[in-house]
Amino acid sequence: MKTCPKCGFTDWPYWRNRGNWGHWEEICNEDDFKKISPDLSWKIIGGKTTTIDKFYAYRLIIRKRGNLVVRKALDEYKLNGWTHGNESEKVNKKGNTN
């Protein structure tokens, strides 16, 4: 878990480092993400879209062993997109994806 030294906010324990796939990306199970952010979870259904909030970009990875939600800091996402998969997908000026 991560805790902000300035405000004391503690992030949900469901998020974990993605490992060698991307040092800037974190993952959690789709079911846990639905508990954390029910308002965002319906936006990434199908796994082909990216949605953003004030701090992160999110996308769904569909797997046989259970779906994962990937999140990446918004500034890093705007610079580099996703590590794997939709490399060409970037946020445009309106906040939507190409």
PDB file of N, CA and C in Angstrom:
ATOM      1  N   MET A   1       0.840  -1.181   0.000  1.00  0.00           N
ATOM      2  CA  MET A   1       0.000   0.000   0.000  1.00  0.00           C
ATOM      3  C   MET A   1       0.879   1.236   0.000  1.00  0.00           C
ATOM      4  N   LYS A   2       0.383   2.255  -0.641  1.00  0.00           N
ATOM      5  CA  LYS A   2       1.102   3.514  -0.704  1.00  0.00           C
ATOM      6  C   LYS A   2       0.367   4.543   0.147  1.00  0.00           C
ATOM      7  N   THR A   3       1.116   5.342   0.879  1.00  0.00           N
ATOM      8  CA  THR A   3       0.546   6.410   1.686  1.00  0.00           C
ATOM      9  C   THR A   3       1.223   7.717   1.299  1.00  0.00           C
ATOM     10  N   CYS A   4       0.417   8.738   1.056  1.00  0.00           N
ATOM     11  CA  CYS A   4       0.941  10.054   0.705  1.00  0.00           C
ATOM     12  C   CYS A   4       1.537  10.709   1.952  1.00  0.00           C
ATOM     13  N   PRO A   5       2.789  11.159   1.878  1.00  0.00           N
ATOM     14  CA  PRO A   5       3.396  11.782   3.057  1.00  0.00           C
ATOM     15  C   PRO A   5       2.806  13.156   3.385  1.00  0.00           C
ATOM     16  N   LYS A   6       2.189  13.808   2.400  1.00  0.00           N
ATOM     17  CA  LYS A   6       1.641  15.147   2.636  1.00  0.00           C
ATOM     18  C   LYS A   6       0.251  15.118   3.245  1.00  0.00           C
ATOM     19  N   CYS A   7      -0.655  14.341   2.632  1.00  0.00           N
ATOM     20  CA  CYS A   7      -2.052  14.369   3.083  1.00  0.00           C
ATOM     21  C   CYS A   7      -2.452  13.142   3.893  1.00  0.00           C
ATOM     22  N   GLY A   8      -1.639  12.070   3.847  1.00  0.00           N
ATOM     23  CA  GLY A   8      -1.936  10.868   4.610  1.00  0.00           C
ATOM     24  C   GLY A   8      -2.888   9.896   3.926  1.00  0.00           C
ATOM     25  N   PHE A   9      -3.269  10.167   2.672  1.00  0.00           N
ATOM     26  CA  PHE A   9      -4.168   9.263   1.950  1.00  0.00           C
ATOM     27  C   PHE A   9      -3.469   7.924   1.723  1.00  0.00           C
ATOM     28  N   THR A  10      -4.166   6.831   2.029  1.00  0.00           N
ATOM     29  CA  THR A  10      -3.643   5.494   1.798  1.00  0.00           C
ATOM     30  C   THR A  10      -4.408   4.858   0.651  1.00  0.00           C
ATOM     31  N   ASP A  11      -3.670   4.397  -0.357  1.00  0.00           N
ATOM     32  CA  ASP A  11      -4.267   3.781  -1.534  1.00  0.00           C
ATOM     33  C   ASP A  11      -4.834   2.412  -1.171  1.00  0.00           C
ATOM     34  N   TRP A  12      -5.798   1.956  -1.957  1.00  0.00           N
ATOM     35  CA  TRP A  12      -6.404   0.645  -1.735  1.00  0.00           C
ATOM     36  C   TRP A  12      -5.347  -0.450  -1.822  1.00  0.00           C
ATOM     37  N   PRO A  13      -5.436  -1.495  -0.980  1.00  0.00           N
ATOM     38  CA  PRO A  13      -4.434  -2.568  -1.011  1.00  0.00           C
ATOM     39  C   PRO A  13      -4.574  -3.500  -2.215  1.00  0.00           C
ATOM     40  N   TYR A  14      -5.643  -3.357  -3.002  1.00  0.00           N
ATOM     41  CA  TYR A  14      -5.858  -4.231  -4.159  1.00  0.00           C
ATOM     42  C   TYR A  14      -4.850  -3.983  -5.272  1.00  0.00           C
ATOM     43  N   TRP A  15      -4.306  -2.778  -5.354  1.00  0.00           N
ATOM     44  CA  TRP A  15      -3.371  -2.444  -6.431  1.00  0.00           C
ATOM     45  C   TRP A  15      -1.998  -3.013  -6.123  1.00  0.00           C
ATOM     46  N   ARG A  16      -1.361  -3.619  -7.163  1.00  0.00           N
ATOM     47  CA  ARG A  16      -0.019  -4.147  -7.004  1.00  0.00           C
ATOM     48  C   ARG A  16       0.800  -3.818  -8.260  1.00  0.00           C
ATOM     49  N   ASN A  17       2.103  -3.857  -8.107  1.00  0.00           N
ATOM     50  CA  ASN A  17       3.001  -3.537  -9.206  1.00  0.00           C
ATOM     51  C   ASN A  17       2.858  -4.568 -10.310  1.00  0.00           C
ATOM     52  N   ARG A  18       2.945  -4.123 -11.535  1.00  0.00           N
ATOM     53  CA  ARG A  18       2.798  -5.029 -12.675  1.00  0.00           C
ATOM     54  C   ARG A  18       4.068  -5.819 -12.942  1.00  0.00           C
ATOM     55  N   GLY A  19       5.135  -5.522 -12.267  1.00  0.00           N
ATOM     56  CA  GLY A  19       6.381  -6.275 -12.432  1.00  0.00           C
ATOM     57  C   GLY A  19       7.154  -5.842 -13.658  1.00  0.00           C
ATOM     58  N   ASN A  20       7.694  -6.812 -14.376  1.00  0.00           N
ATOM     59  CA  ASN A  20       8.544  -6.522 -15.528  1.00  0.00           C
ATOM     60  C   ASN A  20       7.785  -5.950 -16.717  1.00  0.00           C
ATOM     61  N   TRP A  21       6.471  -6.022 -16.697  1.00  0.00           N
ATOM     62  CA  TRP A  21       5.683  -5.534 -17.832  1.00  0.00           C
ATOM     63  C   TRP A  21       5.635  -4.021 -17.902  1.00  0.00           C
ATOM     64  N   GLY A  22       5.761  -3.366 -16.807  1.00  0.00           N
ATOM     65  CA  GLY A  22       5.714  -1.910 -16.835  1.00  0.00           C
ATOM     66  C   GLY A  22       5.910  -1.361 -15.435  1.00  0.00           C
ATOM     67  N   HIS A  23       6.986  -0.647 -15.252  1.00  0.00           N
ATOM     68  CA  HIS A  23       7.291  -0.143 -13.920  1.00  0.00           C
ATOM     69  C   HIS A  23       6.331   0.952 -13.484  1.00  0.00           C
ATOM     70  N   TRP A  24       5.657   1.580 -14.412  1.00  0.00           N
ATOM     71  CA  TRP A  24       4.742   2.667 -14.082  1.00  0.00           C
ATOM     72  C   TRP A  24       3.295   2.197 -14.006  1.00  0.00           C
ATOM     73  N   GLU A  25       3.063   0.938 -14.271  1.00  0.00           N
ATOM     74  CA  GLU A  25       1.696   0.417 -14.302  1.00  0.00           C
ATOM     75  C   GLU A  25       1.420  -0.463 -13.091  1.00  0.00           C
ATOM     76  N   GLU A  26       0.188  -0.389 -12.603  1.00  0.00           N
ATOM     77  CA  GLU A  26      -0.258  -1.224 -11.489  1.00  0.00           C
ATOM     78  C   GLU A  26      -1.498  -1.984 -11.932  1.00  0.00           C
ATOM     79  N   ILE A  27      -1.729  -3.151 -11.331  1.00  0.00           N
ATOM     80  CA  ILE A  27      -2.865  -3.976 -11.715  1.00  0.00           C
ATOM     81  C   ILE A  27      -3.686  -4.368 -10.491  1.00  0.00           C
ATOM     82  N   CYS A  28      -4.947  -4.682 -10.737  1.00  0.00           N
ATOM     83  CA  CYS A  28      -5.799  -5.305  -9.724  1.00  0.00           C
ATOM     84  C   CYS A  28      -6.827  -6.153 -10.462  1.00  0.00           C
ATOM     85  N   ASN A  29      -7.455  -7.064  -9.753  1.00  0.00           N
ATOM     86  CA  ASN A  29      -8.482  -7.908 -10.349  1.00  0.00           C
ATOM     87  C   ASN A  29      -9.712  -7.065 -10.692  1.00  0.00           C
ATOM     88  N   GLU A  30     -10.419  -7.466 -11.738  1.00  0.00           N
ATOM     89  CA  GLU A  30     -11.593  -6.719 -12.178  1.00  0.00           C
ATOM     90  C   GLU A  30     -12.659  -6.649 -11.083  1.00  0.00           C
ATOM     91  N   ASP A  31     -12.866  -7.732 -10.358  1.00  0.00           N
ATOM     92  CA  ASP A  31     -13.872  -7.743  -9.296  1.00  0.00           C
ATOM     93  C   ASP A  31     -13.527  -6.756  -8.182  1.00  0.00           C
ATOM     94  N   ASP A  32     -12.242  -6.663  -7.832  1.00  0.00           N
ATOM     95  CA  ASP A  32     -11.818  -5.699  -6.821  1.00  0.00           C
ATOM     96  C   ASP A  32     -11.994  -4.276  -7.321  1.00  0.00           C
ATOM     97  N   PHE A  33     -11.719  -4.051  -8.615  1.00  0.00           N
ATOM     98  CA  PHE A  33     -11.887  -2.714  -9.179  1.00  0.00           C
ATOM     99  C   PHE A  33     -13.348  -2.273  -9.142  1.00  0.00           C
ATOM    100  N   LYS A  34     -14.257  -3.214  -9.345  1.00  0.00           N
ATOM    101  CA  LYS A  34     -15.685  -2.885  -9.272  1.00  0.00           C
ATOM    102  C   LYS A  34     -16.081  -2.430  -7.874  1.00  0.00           C
ATOM    103  N   LYS A  35     -15.423  -2.972  -6.846  1.00  0.00           N
ATOM    104  CA  LYS A  35     -15.673  -2.530  -5.473  1.00  0.00           C
ATOM    105  C   LYS A  35     -15.102  -1.138  -5.227  1.00  0.00           C
ATOM    106  N   ILE A  36     -13.903  -0.911  -5.744  1.00  0.00           N
ATOM    107  CA  ILE A  36     -13.207   0.356  -5.513  1.00  0.00           C
ATOM    108  C   ILE A  36     -13.876   1.505  -6.265  1.00  0.00           C
ATOM    109  N   SER A  37     -14.128   1.294  -7.558  1.00  0.00           N
ATOM    110  CA  SER A  37     -14.617   2.359  -8.445  1.00  0.00           C
ATOM    111  C   SER A  37     -15.759   1.863  -9.317  1.00  0.00           C
ATOM    112  N   PRO A  38     -16.947   1.705  -8.755  1.00  0.00           N
ATOM    113  CA  PRO A  38     -18.051   1.226  -9.587  1.00  0.00           C
ATOM    114  C   PRO A  38     -18.411   2.187 -10.715  1.00  0.00           C
ATOM    115  N   ASP A  39     -18.177   3.483 -10.512  1.00  0.00           N
ATOM    116  CA  ASP A  39     -18.495   4.461 -11.553  1.00  0.00           C
ATOM    117  C   ASP A  39     -17.558   4.361 -12.756  1.00  0.00           C
ATOM    118  N   LEU A  40     -16.312   3.955 -12.543  1.00  0.00           N
ATOM    119  CA  LEU A  40     -15.366   3.814 -13.656  1.00  0.00           C
ATOM    120  C   LEU A  40     -15.397   2.427 -14.283  1.00  0.00           C
ATOM    121  N   SER A  41     -15.806   1.419 -13.519  1.00  0.00           N
ATOM    122  CA  SER A  41     -15.719   0.043 -14.015  1.00  0.00           C
ATOM    123  C   SER A  41     -16.585  -0.203 -15.242  1.00  0.00           C
ATOM    124  N   TRP A  42     -17.741   0.418 -15.321  1.00  0.00           N
ATOM    125  CA  TRP A  42     -18.609   0.184 -16.490  1.00  0.00           C
ATOM    126  C   TRP A  42     -18.044   0.838 -17.746  1.00  0.00           C
ATOM    127  N   LYS A  43     -17.151   1.822 -17.598  1.00  0.00           N
ATOM    128  CA  LYS A  43     -16.597   2.517 -18.762  1.00  0.00           C
ATOM    129  C   LYS A  43     -15.543   1.706 -19.506  1.00  0.00           C
ATOM    130  N   ILE A  44     -14.932   0.734 -18.841  1.00  0.00           N
ATOM    131  CA  ILE A  44     -13.865  -0.031 -19.492  1.00  0.00           C
ATOM    132  C   ILE A  44     -14.305  -1.435 -19.870  1.00  0.00           C
ATOM    133  N   ILE A  45     -15.597  -1.700 -19.840  1.00  0.00           N
ATOM    134  CA  ILE A  45     -16.114  -3.015 -20.213  1.00  0.00           C
ATOM    135  C   ILE A  45     -15.739  -3.312 -21.666  1.00  0.00           C
ATOM    136  N   GLY A  46     -15.290  -4.508 -21.921  1.00  0.00           N
ATOM    137  CA  GLY A  46     -14.897  -4.912 -23.266  1.00  0.00           C
ATOM    138  C   GLY A  46     -13.401  -4.852 -23.499  1.00  0.00           C
ATOM    139  N   GLY A  47     -12.685  -4.062 -22.720  1.00  0.00           N
ATOM    140  CA  GLY A  47     -11.233  -4.034 -22.790  1.00  0.00           C
ATOM    141  C   GLY A  47     -10.621  -3.260 -23.934  1.00  0.00           C
ATOM    142  N   LYS A  48     -11.411  -2.530 -24.714  1.00  0.00           N
ATOM    143  CA  LYS A  48     -10.849  -1.827 -25.856  1.00  0.00           C
ATOM    144  C   LYS A  48     -10.778  -0.327 -25.644  1.00  0.00           C
ATOM    145  N   THR A  49     -11.210   0.152 -24.502  1.00  0.00           N
ATOM    146  CA  THR A  49     -11.197   1.583 -24.262  1.00  0.00           C
ATOM    147  C   THR A  49     -10.379   1.909 -23.026  1.00  0.00           C
ATOM    148  N   THR A  50      -9.894   3.114 -22.987  1.00  0.00           N
ATOM    149  CA  THR A  50      -9.191   3.645 -21.834  1.00  0.00           C
ATOM    150  C   THR A  50     -10.058   4.737 -21.246  1.00  0.00           C
ATOM    151  N   THR A  51     -10.150   4.768 -19.931  1.00  0.00           N
ATOM    152  CA  THR A  51     -10.871   5.848 -19.272  1.00  0.00           C
ATOM    153  C   THR A  51      -9.925   6.504 -18.277  1.00  0.00           C
ATOM    154  N   ILE A  52     -10.174   7.749 -17.982  1.00  0.00           N
ATOM    155  CA  ILE A  52      -9.279   8.494 -17.098  1.00  0.00           C
ATOM    156  C   ILE A  52     -10.070   9.163 -15.985  1.00  0.00           C
ATOM    157  N   ASP A  53      -9.388   9.406 -14.870  1.00  0.00           N
ATOM    158  CA  ASP A  53      -9.930  10.261 -13.819  1.00  0.00           C
ATOM    159  C   ASP A  53      -8.893  11.367 -13.582  1.00  0.00           C
ATOM    160  N   LYS A  54      -8.908  11.998 -12.446  1.00  0.00           N
ATOM    161  CA  LYS A  54      -7.997  13.124 -12.208  1.00  0.00           C
ATOM    162  C   LYS A  54      -6.532  12.714 -12.161  1.00  0.00           C
ATOM    163  N   PHE A  55      -6.250  11.464 -11.773  1.00  0.00           N
ATOM    164  CA  PHE A  55      -4.868  11.068 -11.539  1.00  0.00           C
ATOM    165  C   PHE A  55      -4.366   9.902 -12.384  1.00  0.00           C
ATOM    166  N   TYR A  56      -5.276   9.047 -12.876  1.00  0.00           N
ATOM    167  CA  TYR A  56      -4.865   7.811 -13.532  1.00  0.00           C
ATOM    168  C   TYR A  56      -5.623   7.555 -14.824  1.00  0.00           C
ATOM    169  N   ALA A  57      -5.006   6.734 -15.695  1.00  0.00           N
ATOM    170  CA  ALA A  57      -5.669   6.154 -16.858  1.00  0.00           C
ATOM    171  C   ALA A  57      -5.871   4.670 -16.553  1.00  0.00           C
ATOM    172  N   TYR A  58      -7.014   4.107 -16.980  1.00  0.00           N
ATOM    173  CA  TYR A  58      -7.360   2.717 -16.678  1.00  0.00           C
ATOM    174  C   TYR A  58      -7.734   1.998 -17.965  1.00  0.00           C
ATOM    175  N   ARG A  59      -7.421   0.701 -18.020  1.00  0.00           N
ATOM    176  CA  ARG A  59      -7.913  -0.142 -19.099  1.00  0.00           C
ATOM    177  C   ARG A  59      -8.059  -1.570 -18.580  1.00  0.00           C
ATOM    178  N   LEU A  60      -8.868  -2.350 -19.271  1.00  0.00           N
ATOM    179  CA  LEU A  60      -9.161  -3.718 -18.880  1.00  0.00           C
ATOM    180  C   LEU A  60      -8.398  -4.691 -19.777  1.00  0.00           C
ATOM    181  N   ILE A  61      -7.774  -5.692 -19.173  1.00  0.00           N
ATOM    182  CA  ILE A  61      -7.116  -6.763 -19.912  1.00  0.00           C
ATOM    183  C   ILE A  61      -7.943  -8.019 -19.684  1.00  0.00           C
ATOM    184  N   ILE A  62      -8.446  -8.603 -20.769  1.00  0.00           N
ATOM    185  CA  ILE A  62      -9.306  -9.776 -20.674  1.00  0.00           C
ATOM    186  C   ILE A  62      -8.432 -11.032 -20.769  1.00  0.00           C
ATOM    187  N   ARG A  63      -8.550 -11.885 -19.747  1.00  0.00           N
ATOM    188  CA  ARG A  63      -7.769 -13.121 -19.693  1.00  0.00           C
ATOM    189  C   ARG A  63      -8.685 -14.287 -19.323  1.00  0.00           C
ATOM    190  N   LYS A  64      -8.256 -15.488 -19.642  1.00  0.00           N
ATOM    191  CA  LYS A  64      -9.022 -16.678 -19.265  1.00  0.00           C
ATOM    192  C   LYS A  64      -9.002 -16.891 -17.757  1.00  0.00           C
ATOM    193  N   ARG A  65      -7.902 -16.549 -17.098  1.00  0.00           N
ATOM    194  CA  ARG A  65      -7.747 -16.775 -15.665  1.00  0.00           C
ATOM    195  C   ARG A  65      -8.368 -15.677 -14.816  1.00  0.00           C
ATOM    196  N   GLY A  66      -9.026 -14.729 -15.423  1.00  0.00           N
ATOM    197  CA  GLY A  66      -9.618 -13.611 -14.688  1.00  0.00           C
ATOM    198  C   GLY A  66      -9.107 -12.297 -15.236  1.00  0.00           C
ATOM    199  N   ASN A  67      -9.996 -11.373 -15.418  1.00  0.00           N
ATOM    200  CA  ASN A  67      -9.642 -10.088 -16.018  1.00  0.00           C
ATOM    201  C   ASN A  67      -8.890  -9.208 -15.027  1.00  0.00           C
ATOM    202  N   LEU A  68      -8.014  -8.380 -15.580  1.00  0.00           N
ATOM    203  CA  LEU A  68      -7.237  -7.441 -14.782  1.00  0.00           C
ATOM    204  C   LEU A  68      -7.513  -6.025 -15.239  1.00  0.00           C
ATOM    205  N   VAL A  69      -7.467  -5.095 -14.315  1.00  0.00           N
ATOM    206  CA  VAL A  69      -7.533  -3.678 -14.632  1.00  0.00           C
ATOM    207  C   VAL A  69      -6.134  -3.118 -14.427  1.00  0.00           C
ATOM    208  N   VAL A  70      -5.666  -2.374 -15.404  1.00  0.00           N
ATOM    209  CA  VAL A  70      -4.347  -1.751 -15.349  1.00  0.00           C
ATOM    210  C   VAL A  70      -4.556  -0.262 -15.162  1.00  0.00           C
ATOM    211  N   ARG A  71      -3.769   0.331 -14.266  1.00  0.00           N
ATOM    212  CA  ARG A  71      -3.811   1.782 -14.136  1.00  0.00           C
ATOM    213  C   ARG A  71      -2.408   2.332 -14.261  1.00  0.00           C
ATOM    214  N   LYS A  72      -2.355   3.559 -14.760  1.00  0.00           N
ATOM    215  CA  LYS A  72      -1.082   4.234 -14.976  1.00  0.00           C
ATOM    216  C   LYS A  72      -1.277   5.703 -14.634  1.00  0.00           C
ATOM    217  N   ALA A  73      -0.287   6.302 -14.028  1.00  0.00           N
ATOM    218  CA  ALA A  73      -0.363   7.729 -13.710  1.00  0.00           C
ATOM    219  C   ALA A  73      -0.665   8.507 -14.990  1.00  0.00           C
ATOM    220  N   LEU A  74      -1.559   9.461 -14.891  1.00  0.00           N
ATOM    221  CA  LEU A  74      -2.052  10.163 -16.075  1.00  0.00           C
ATOM    222  C   LEU A  74      -0.932  10.886 -16.827  1.00  0.00           C
ATOM    223  N   ASP A  75      -0.008  11.525 -16.120  1.00  0.00           N
ATOM    224  CA  ASP A  75       1.094  12.218 -16.795  1.00  0.00           C
ATOM    225  C   ASP A  75       1.961  11.244 -17.584  1.00  0.00           C
ATOM    226  N   GLU A  76       2.252  10.097 -17.009  1.00  0.00           N
ATOM    227  CA  GLU A  76       3.049   9.085 -17.703  1.00  0.00           C
ATOM    228  C   GLU A  76       2.284   8.516 -18.897  1.00  0.00           C
ATOM    229  N   TYR A  77       0.987   8.319 -18.738  1.00  0.00           N
ATOM    230  CA  TYR A  77       0.166   7.806 -19.839  1.00  0.00           C
ATOM    231  C   TYR A  77       0.134   8.787 -21.012  1.00  0.00           C
ATOM    232  N   LYS A  78       0.015  10.061 -20.706  1.00  0.00           N
ATOM    233  CA  LYS A  78      -0.011  11.058 -21.777  1.00  0.00           C
ATOM    234  C   LYS A  78       1.298  11.093 -22.551  1.00  0.00           C
ATOM    235  N   LEU A  79       2.396  10.807 -21.883  1.00  0.00           N
ATOM    236  CA  LEU A  79       3.696  10.795 -22.552  1.00  0.00           C
ATOM    237  C   LEU A  79       3.934   9.533 -23.367  1.00  0.00           C
ATOM    238  N   ASN A  80       3.601   8.371 -22.808  1.00  0.00           N
ATOM    239  CA  ASN A  80       4.031   7.108 -23.404  1.00  0.00           C
ATOM    240  C   ASN A  80       2.930   6.133 -23.767  1.00  0.00           C
ATOM    241  N   GLY A  81       1.697   6.383 -23.402  1.00  0.00           N
ATOM    242  CA  GLY A  81       0.640   5.421 -23.679  1.00  0.00           C
ATOM    243  C   GLY A  81       0.808   4.187 -22.810  1.00  0.00           C
ATOM    244  N   TRP A  82       0.342   3.044 -23.294  1.00  0.00           N
ATOM    245  CA  TRP A  82       0.439   1.802 -22.536  1.00  0.00           C
ATOM    246  C   TRP A  82       1.700   1.066 -22.888  1.00  0.00           C
ATOM    247  N   THR A  83       2.225   0.274 -21.954  1.00  0.00           N
ATOM    248  CA  THR A  83       3.451  -0.486 -22.168  1.00  0.00           C
ATOM    249  C   THR A  83       3.250  -1.568 -23.216  1.00  0.00           C
ATOM    250  N   HIS A  84       2.139  -2.313 -23.118  1.00  0.00           N
ATOM    251  CA  HIS A  84       1.830  -3.393 -24.053  1.00  0.00           C
ATOM    252  C   HIS A  84       0.402  -3.237 -24.524  1.00  0.00           C
ATOM    253  N   GLY A  85       0.130  -3.781 -25.691  1.00  0.00           N
ATOM    254  CA  GLY A  85      -1.233  -3.729 -26.210  1.00  0.00           C
ATOM    255  C   GLY A  85      -1.418  -2.540 -27.114  1.00  0.00           C
ATOM    256  N   ASN A  86      -2.185  -1.560 -26.682  1.00  0.00           N
ATOM    257  CA  ASN A  86      -2.525  -0.407 -27.523  1.00  0.00           C
ATOM    258  C   ASN A  86      -1.459   0.674 -27.420  1.00  0.00           C
ATOM    259  N   GLU A  87      -0.250   0.392 -27.939  1.00  0.00           N
ATOM    260  CA  GLU A  87       0.840   1.355 -27.830  1.00  0.00           C
ATOM    261  C   GLU A  87       0.521   2.681 -28.518  1.00  0.00           C
ATOM    262  N   SER A  88      -0.278   2.627 -29.574  1.00  0.00           N
ATOM    263  CA  SER A  88      -0.578   3.845 -30.311  1.00  0.00           C
ATOM    264  C   SER A  88      -1.685   4.666 -29.650  1.00  0.00           C
ATOM    265  N   GLU A  89      -2.316   4.102 -28.633  1.00  0.00           N
ATOM    266  CA  GLU A  89      -3.426   4.788 -27.991  1.00  0.00           C
ATOM    267  C   GLU A  89      -2.902   5.865 -27.042  1.00  0.00           C
ATOM    268  N   LYS A  90      -3.245   7.097 -27.284  1.00  0.00           N
ATOM    269  CA  LYS A  90      -2.832   8.218 -26.446  1.00  0.00           C
ATOM    270  C   LYS A  90      -4.063   9.063 -26.133  1.00  0.00           C
ATOM    271  N   VAL A  91      -3.965   9.870 -25.107  1.00  0.00           N
ATOM    272  CA  VAL A  91      -5.061  10.774 -24.754  1.00  0.00           C
ATOM    273  C   VAL A  91      -4.938  12.026 -25.615  1.00  0.00           C
ATOM    274  N   ASN A  92      -6.063  12.430 -26.229  1.00  0.00           N
ATOM    275  CA  ASN A  92      -6.027  13.672 -26.992  1.00  0.00           C
ATOM    276  C   ASN A  92      -6.374  14.839 -26.067  1.00  0.00           C
ATOM    277  N   LYS A  93      -6.432  16.037 -26.594  1.00  0.00           N
ATOM    278  CA  LYS A  93      -6.625  17.223 -25.770  1.00  0.00           C
ATOM    279  C   LYS A  93      -7.949  17.240 -25.021  1.00  0.00           C
ATOM    280  N   LYS A  94      -8.970  16.554 -25.530  1.00  0.00           N
ATOM    281  CA  LYS A  94     -10.275  16.539 -24.876  1.00  0.00           C
ATOM    282  C   LYS A  94     -10.358  15.480 -23.785  1.00  0.00           C
ATOM    283  N   GLY A  95      -9.324  14.653 -23.608  1.00  0.00           N
ATOM    284  CA  GLY A  95      -9.328  13.615 -22.594  1.00  0.00           C
ATOM    285  C   GLY A  95      -9.844  12.286 -23.081  1.00  0.00           C
ATOM    286  N   ASN A  96     -10.182  12.197 -24.363  1.00  0.00           N
ATOM    287  CA  ASN A  96     -10.637  10.929 -24.946  1.00  0.00           C
ATOM    288  C   ASN A  96      -9.444  10.231 -25.570  1.00  0.00           C
ATOM    289  N   THR A  97      -9.608   8.962 -25.890  1.00  0.00           N
ATOM    290  CA  THR A  97      -8.525   8.231 -26.526  1.00  0.00           C
ATOM    291  C   THR A  97      -8.730   8.185 -28.032  1.00  0.00           C
ATOM    292  N   ASN A  98      -7.611   8.066 -28.756  1.00  0.00           N
ATOM    293  CA  ASN A  98      -7.662   7.983 -30.215  1.00  0.00           C
ATOM    294  C   ASN A  98      -7.994   6.585 -30.620  1.00  0.00           C
TER     295      ASN A  98
END
